[in-house]
Amino acid sequence: ISEIVEIDAEIGEPNCKLINPYLFKDIDDMKPWKSEITNQTEFMIRSEDILTIADPTGTVVDRYVELTS
C-alpha cells in the first residue's frame, strides 16, 4: 500500500513517486517497504511497472495513516 504521485518525465524514465510504501500481508502485519535495506520513504518507479491499483478498505487506510503519521 502506498501514496502515489504521477510525475512528468521523459518516456522510459520513472514517472511515479511512491510515498511511504508499506508491505501489506494483513491489517496487523504492515511494515515499510524495503525497510531492511534503506531508510528512504519515497521511491521512483515507472508506471509501466505497476501491476495493480485498487482502493483499500477504510480499515486498511486507517491503519496505514496510523503507521505513517
Protein backbone atom coordinates (compact mmCIF):
# COMPACT_ATOMS: atom_id res chain seq x y z
CA ILE A 1 0.00 0.00 0.00
CA SER A 2 1.33 3.45 -0.85
CA GLU A 3 0.54 7.02 -1.64
CA ILE A 4 1.41 7.63 -5.30
CA VAL A 5 2.04 10.82 -7.25
CA GLU A 6 2.44 10.98 -11.01
CA ILE A 7 5.48 13.00 -12.12
CA ASP A 8 6.27 14.45 -15.56
CA ALA A 9 9.19 12.52 -17.03
CA GLU A 10 10.76 11.53 -20.32
CA ILE A 11 9.45 8.33 -21.93
CA GLY A 12 11.03 5.31 -20.22
CA GLU A 13 12.08 7.27 -17.11
CA PRO A 14 10.42 6.78 -13.70
CA ASN A 15 7.21 8.81 -13.69
CA CYS A 16 5.55 7.85 -10.41
CA LYS A 17 6.65 8.60 -6.87
CA LEU A 18 5.69 6.11 -4.17
CA ILE A 19 5.39 7.88 -0.82
CA ASN A 20 5.54 5.80 2.37
CA PRO A 21 5.04 2.44 0.64
CA TYR A 22 4.22 -0.38 3.04
CA LEU A 23 4.41 -4.12 2.55
CA PHE A 24 0.96 -5.41 3.44
CA LYS A 25 0.21 -9.00 4.41
CA ASP A 26 -2.78 -8.32 6.64
CA ILE A 27 -4.07 -5.49 8.83
CA ASP A 28 -1.76 -6.50 11.69
CA ASP A 29 1.28 -7.15 9.51
CA MET A 30 2.30 -3.97 7.69
CA LYS A 31 5.89 -2.72 7.52
CA PRO A 32 7.74 -0.11 5.47
CA TRP A 33 8.67 -1.44 2.03
CA LYS A 34 12.40 -2.19 1.67
CA SER A 35 13.00 -1.20 5.32
CA GLU A 36 15.63 -3.91 5.65
CA ILE A 37 17.88 -2.13 3.11
CA THR A 38 17.03 1.61 3.24
CA ASN A 39 15.55 4.38 5.36
CA GLN A 40 14.04 6.06 2.30
CA THR A 41 10.32 6.80 2.39
CA GLU A 42 9.98 7.88 -1.26
CA PHE A 43 10.77 5.77 -4.32
CA MET A 44 10.57 6.45 -8.05
CA ILE A 45 9.02 3.84 -10.35
CA ARG A 46 7.83 3.66 -13.94
CA SER A 47 4.05 3.48 -14.26
CA GLU A 48 4.56 0.54 -16.64
CA ASP A 49 5.95 -1.44 -13.67
CA ILE A 50 2.82 -1.00 -11.54
CA LEU A 51 0.81 -4.21 -11.66
CA THR A 52 -2.31 -3.32 -9.68
CA ILE A 53 -4.04 -0.20 -8.42
CA ALA A 54 -7.04 -0.56 -6.11
CA ASP A 55 -8.79 1.45 -3.42
CA PRO A 56 -8.15 -0.07 0.03
CA THR A 57 -10.88 -0.51 2.62
CA GLY A 58 -11.37 2.14 5.29
CA THR A 59 -9.82 -0.15 7.90
CA VAL A 60 -6.65 -0.55 5.83
CA VAL A 61 -6.45 3.21 5.21
CA ASP A 62 -6.90 3.93 8.92
CA ARG A 63 -4.07 1.51 9.84
CA TYR A 64 -1.80 2.93 7.12
CA VAL A 65 -2.41 6.51 8.32
CA GLU A 66 -1.72 5.40 11.90
CA LEU A 67 1.60 3.85 10.86
CA THR A 68 2.74 6.74 8.64
CA SER A 69 1.72 9.66 10.84
